[in-house]
Amino acid sequence: MHLADRRVALLDANVLFPFRKRDILLRFHHAGLFRARWTERILDEWTLNLLEQKPHLEPSVGSQRRAMREHFAEALVTGYEPLIETL
């Protein structure tokens, strides 16, 4: 029997949107307090919603997104799409 690791957390767009919340969650992940996970779809939602409100932040948001993908590559979940309909 396989048990899920209780220390894994899916970070949805609503918690990635506020900078301070995103920053502290990524710091906690980096410190090993939990393992963060997200999808490209979540990253898209976060960046699109933020840029809709603050288009002048586009260079910064793009840089942050690239840094997240580079420094937290293990957080990106792929291959989940077939499961969506059953959830």
N, C-alpha and C. Protein backbone atom coordinates (compact mmCIF):
# COMPACT_ATOMS: atom_id res chain seq x y z
N MET A 1 0.84 -1.17 0.00
CA MET A 1 0.00 0.00 0.00
C MET A 1 0.89 1.24 0.00
N HIS A 2 0.52 2.23 -0.83
CA HIS A 2 1.27 3.48 -0.93
C HIS A 2 0.49 4.57 -0.19
N LEU A 3 1.16 5.23 0.73
CA LEU A 3 0.54 6.35 1.45
C LEU A 3 1.13 7.65 0.94
N ALA A 4 0.29 8.63 0.76
CA ALA A 4 0.75 9.94 0.30
C ALA A 4 1.57 10.61 1.41
N ASP A 5 2.56 11.35 1.01
CA ASP A 5 3.36 12.13 1.95
C ASP A 5 2.51 13.30 2.44
N ARG A 6 2.28 13.36 3.72
CA ARG A 6 1.43 14.41 4.29
C ARG A 6 2.07 15.79 4.22
N ARG A 7 3.31 15.85 3.93
CA ARG A 7 3.99 17.14 3.89
C ARG A 7 4.05 17.75 2.50
N VAL A 8 3.23 17.29 1.60
CA VAL A 8 3.15 17.86 0.26
C VAL A 8 1.95 18.79 0.21
N ALA A 9 2.14 19.99 -0.33
CA ALA A 9 1.05 20.96 -0.43
C ALA A 9 0.99 21.51 -1.85
N LEU A 10 -0.19 21.48 -2.42
CA LEU A 10 -0.43 22.09 -3.72
C LEU A 10 -0.67 23.57 -3.49
N LEU A 11 0.18 24.39 -4.07
CA LEU A 11 0.04 25.85 -3.93
C LEU A 11 -0.77 26.36 -5.11
N ASP A 12 -2.00 26.72 -4.86
CA ASP A 12 -2.89 27.20 -5.90
C ASP A 12 -2.61 28.68 -6.17
N ALA A 13 -3.21 29.19 -7.23
CA ALA A 13 -2.97 30.57 -7.65
C ALA A 13 -3.32 31.58 -6.56
N ASN A 14 -4.34 31.29 -5.75
CA ASN A 14 -4.74 32.24 -4.72
C ASN A 14 -3.69 32.43 -3.63
N VAL A 15 -2.81 31.47 -3.41
CA VAL A 15 -1.75 31.66 -2.42
C VAL A 15 -0.45 32.12 -3.08
N LEU A 16 -0.34 31.95 -4.39
CA LEU A 16 0.84 32.45 -5.10
C LEU A 16 0.67 33.93 -5.46
N PHE A 17 -0.55 34.39 -5.54
CA PHE A 17 -0.84 35.76 -5.98
C PHE A 17 -0.22 36.81 -5.06
N PRO A 18 -0.47 36.78 -3.76
CA PRO A 18 0.15 37.82 -2.90
C PRO A 18 1.65 37.55 -2.74
N PHE A 19 2.46 38.56 -3.03
CA PHE A 19 3.91 38.38 -2.99
C PHE A 19 4.40 37.85 -1.65
N ARG A 20 3.99 38.46 -0.57
CA ARG A 20 4.50 38.06 0.74
C ARG A 20 4.14 36.62 1.09
N LYS A 21 2.93 36.24 0.77
CA LYS A 21 2.50 34.86 1.03
C LYS A 21 3.31 33.90 0.17
N ARG A 22 3.47 34.22 -1.12
CA ARG A 22 4.26 33.38 -2.02
C ARG A 22 5.70 33.27 -1.51
N ASP A 23 6.26 34.39 -1.11
CA ASP A 23 7.64 34.41 -0.63
C ASP A 23 7.82 33.51 0.59
N ILE A 24 6.94 33.65 1.56
CA ILE A 24 7.10 32.85 2.79
C ILE A 24 6.87 31.37 2.52
N LEU A 25 5.90 31.03 1.66
CA LEU A 25 5.66 29.62 1.34
C LEU A 25 6.86 29.01 0.62
N LEU A 26 7.46 29.77 -0.28
CA LEU A 26 8.65 29.26 -0.99
C LEU A 26 9.84 29.12 -0.02
N ARG A 27 9.94 30.02 0.92
CA ARG A 27 11.00 29.90 1.93
C ARG A 27 10.79 28.67 2.80
N PHE A 28 9.54 28.40 3.19
CA PHE A 28 9.22 27.21 3.98
C PHE A 28 9.54 25.95 3.18
N HIS A 29 9.20 25.96 1.89
CA HIS A 29 9.51 24.82 1.02
C HIS A 29 11.03 24.62 0.97
N HIS A 30 11.74 25.71 0.75
CA HIS A 30 13.21 25.64 0.66
C HIS A 30 13.82 25.12 1.97
N ALA A 31 13.21 25.46 3.09
CA ALA A 31 13.70 25.01 4.40
C ALA A 31 13.31 23.56 4.71
N GLY A 32 12.52 22.95 3.84
CA GLY A 32 12.15 21.56 4.03
C GLY A 32 10.96 21.34 4.95
N LEU A 33 10.20 22.39 5.23
CA LEU A 33 9.04 22.24 6.11
C LEU A 33 7.88 21.52 5.41
N PHE A 34 7.82 21.62 4.11
CA PHE A 34 6.85 20.88 3.30
C PHE A 34 7.36 20.88 1.86
N ARG A 35 6.75 20.08 1.04
CA ARG A 35 7.12 20.02 -0.38
C ARG A 35 6.02 20.68 -1.20
N ALA A 36 6.34 21.79 -1.82
CA ALA A 36 5.38 22.54 -2.62
C ALA A 36 5.19 21.88 -3.98
N ARG A 37 3.97 21.99 -4.48
CA ARG A 37 3.65 21.51 -5.82
C ARG A 37 2.73 22.52 -6.50
N TRP A 38 2.86 22.64 -7.83
CA TRP A 38 1.98 23.46 -8.65
C TRP A 38 2.03 22.95 -10.06
N THR A 39 1.16 23.47 -10.90
CA THR A 39 1.11 23.08 -12.31
C THR A 39 1.33 24.33 -13.17
N GLU A 40 1.59 24.11 -14.44
CA GLU A 40 1.69 25.24 -15.37
C GLU A 40 0.38 26.02 -15.39
N ARG A 41 -0.71 25.30 -15.29
CA ARG A 41 -2.04 25.95 -15.28
C ARG A 41 -2.18 26.88 -14.08
N ILE A 42 -1.69 26.46 -12.93
CA ILE A 42 -1.72 27.31 -11.73
C ILE A 42 -0.82 28.52 -11.93
N LEU A 43 0.37 28.31 -12.46
CA LEU A 43 1.28 29.43 -12.70
C LEU A 43 0.67 30.41 -13.70
N ASP A 44 0.01 29.89 -14.73
CA ASP A 44 -0.67 30.75 -15.70
C ASP A 44 -1.74 31.61 -15.03
N GLU A 45 -2.55 30.97 -14.19
CA GLU A 45 -3.63 31.68 -13.51
C GLU A 45 -3.08 32.77 -12.60
N TRP A 46 -2.05 32.43 -11.84
CA TRP A 46 -1.43 33.41 -10.95
C TRP A 46 -0.90 34.61 -11.74
N THR A 47 -0.12 34.34 -12.78
CA THR A 47 0.50 35.45 -13.51
C THR A 47 -0.53 36.27 -14.28
N LEU A 48 -1.49 35.62 -14.91
CA LEU A 48 -2.50 36.37 -15.67
C LEU A 48 -3.34 37.27 -14.76
N ASN A 49 -3.75 36.75 -13.61
CA ASN A 49 -4.55 37.57 -12.69
C ASN A 49 -3.75 38.72 -12.11
N LEU A 50 -2.51 38.48 -11.78
CA LEU A 50 -1.68 39.56 -11.25
C LEU A 50 -1.44 40.63 -12.31
N LEU A 51 -1.11 40.21 -13.52
CA LEU A 51 -0.83 41.18 -14.58
C LEU A 51 -2.08 41.93 -15.03
N GLU A 52 -3.23 41.32 -14.85
CA GLU A 52 -4.48 42.02 -15.16
C GLU A 52 -4.65 43.23 -14.24
N GLN A 53 -4.26 43.08 -13.00
CA GLN A 53 -4.37 44.17 -12.04
C GLN A 53 -3.18 45.12 -12.07
N LYS A 54 -2.00 44.56 -12.38
CA LYS A 54 -0.77 45.36 -12.34
C LYS A 54 0.11 45.07 -13.55
N PRO A 55 -0.32 45.53 -14.73
CA PRO A 55 0.43 45.21 -15.95
C PRO A 55 1.87 45.74 -15.95
N HIS A 56 2.13 46.78 -15.19
CA HIS A 56 3.48 47.34 -15.13
C HIS A 56 4.48 46.39 -14.47
N LEU A 57 3.99 45.34 -13.81
CA LEU A 57 4.88 44.37 -13.15
C LEU A 57 5.30 43.20 -14.05
N GLU A 58 4.95 43.27 -15.32
CA GLU A 58 5.21 42.13 -16.21
C GLU A 58 6.66 41.65 -16.18
N PRO A 59 7.66 42.54 -16.28
CA PRO A 59 9.05 42.04 -16.23
C PRO A 59 9.36 41.33 -14.91
N SER A 60 8.90 41.87 -13.80
CA SER A 60 9.16 41.27 -12.50
C SER A 60 8.45 39.93 -12.35
N VAL A 61 7.20 39.88 -12.76
CA VAL A 61 6.42 38.64 -12.64
C VAL A 61 7.03 37.55 -13.51
N GLY A 62 7.43 37.90 -14.72
CA GLY A 62 8.08 36.93 -15.60
C GLY A 62 9.37 36.42 -15.00
N SER A 63 10.13 37.30 -14.39
CA SER A 63 11.38 36.91 -13.75
C SER A 63 11.13 35.99 -12.56
N GLN A 64 10.11 36.30 -11.76
CA GLN A 64 9.77 35.47 -10.61
C GLN A 64 9.33 34.08 -11.06
N ARG A 65 8.53 34.03 -12.11
CA ARG A 65 8.05 32.74 -12.61
C ARG A 65 9.20 31.88 -13.12
N ARG A 66 10.11 32.50 -13.86
CA ARG A 66 11.29 31.76 -14.35
C ARG A 66 12.14 31.27 -13.18
N ALA A 67 12.30 32.10 -12.16
CA ALA A 67 13.10 31.71 -10.99
C ALA A 67 12.44 30.53 -10.26
N MET A 68 11.11 30.56 -10.15
CA MET A 68 10.41 29.45 -9.50
C MET A 68 10.62 28.16 -10.27
N ARG A 69 10.54 28.23 -11.59
CA ARG A 69 10.72 27.02 -12.41
C ARG A 69 12.16 26.52 -12.31
N GLU A 70 13.11 27.44 -12.23
CA GLU A 70 14.52 27.05 -12.16
C GLU A 70 14.90 26.50 -10.78
N HIS A 71 14.54 27.20 -9.74
CA HIS A 71 14.98 26.85 -8.39
C HIS A 71 14.10 25.81 -7.70
N PHE A 72 12.88 25.64 -8.20
CA PHE A 72 11.95 24.67 -7.60
C PHE A 72 11.39 23.76 -8.68
N ALA A 73 12.26 23.25 -9.52
CA ALA A 73 11.84 22.42 -10.66
C ALA A 73 11.03 21.21 -10.21
N GLU A 74 11.34 20.67 -9.04
CA GLU A 74 10.64 19.48 -8.55
C GLU A 74 9.19 19.79 -8.17
N ALA A 75 8.84 21.06 -8.05
CA ALA A 75 7.48 21.44 -7.63
C ALA A 75 6.47 21.34 -8.79
N LEU A 76 6.96 21.33 -10.01
CA LEU A 76 6.05 21.32 -11.16
C LEU A 76 5.45 19.93 -11.37
N VAL A 77 4.13 19.86 -11.30
CA VAL A 77 3.40 18.61 -11.49
C VAL A 77 2.95 18.53 -12.94
N THR A 78 3.22 17.40 -13.58
CA THR A 78 2.78 17.18 -14.95
C THR A 78 2.04 15.84 -15.03
N GLY A 79 1.31 15.64 -16.11
CA GLY A 79 0.64 14.38 -16.33
C GLY A 79 -0.61 14.17 -15.52
N TYR A 80 -1.12 15.20 -14.91
CA TYR A 80 -2.31 15.09 -14.06
C TYR A 80 -3.61 15.27 -14.84
N GLU A 81 -3.53 15.79 -16.05
CA GLU A 81 -4.72 16.17 -16.80
C GLU A 81 -5.78 15.08 -16.91
N PRO A 82 -5.43 13.82 -17.16
CA PRO A 82 -6.45 12.78 -17.25
C PRO A 82 -7.24 12.57 -15.95
N LEU A 83 -6.70 13.03 -14.83
CA LEU A 83 -7.37 12.85 -13.55
C LEU A 83 -8.41 13.92 -13.25
N ILE A 84 -8.33 15.05 -13.94
CA ILE A 84 -9.19 16.19 -13.63
C ILE A 84 -10.67 15.83 -13.68
N GLU A 85 -11.09 15.14 -14.71
CA GLU A 85 -12.51 14.83 -14.86
C GLU A 85 -13.06 13.96 -13.72
N THR A 86 -12.22 13.10 -13.18
CA THR A 86 -12.70 12.22 -12.10
C THR A 86 -12.67 12.90 -10.74
N LEU A 87 -11.98 14.03 -10.66
CA LEU A 87 -11.95 14.76 -9.39
C LEU A 87 -13.20 15.59 -9.25
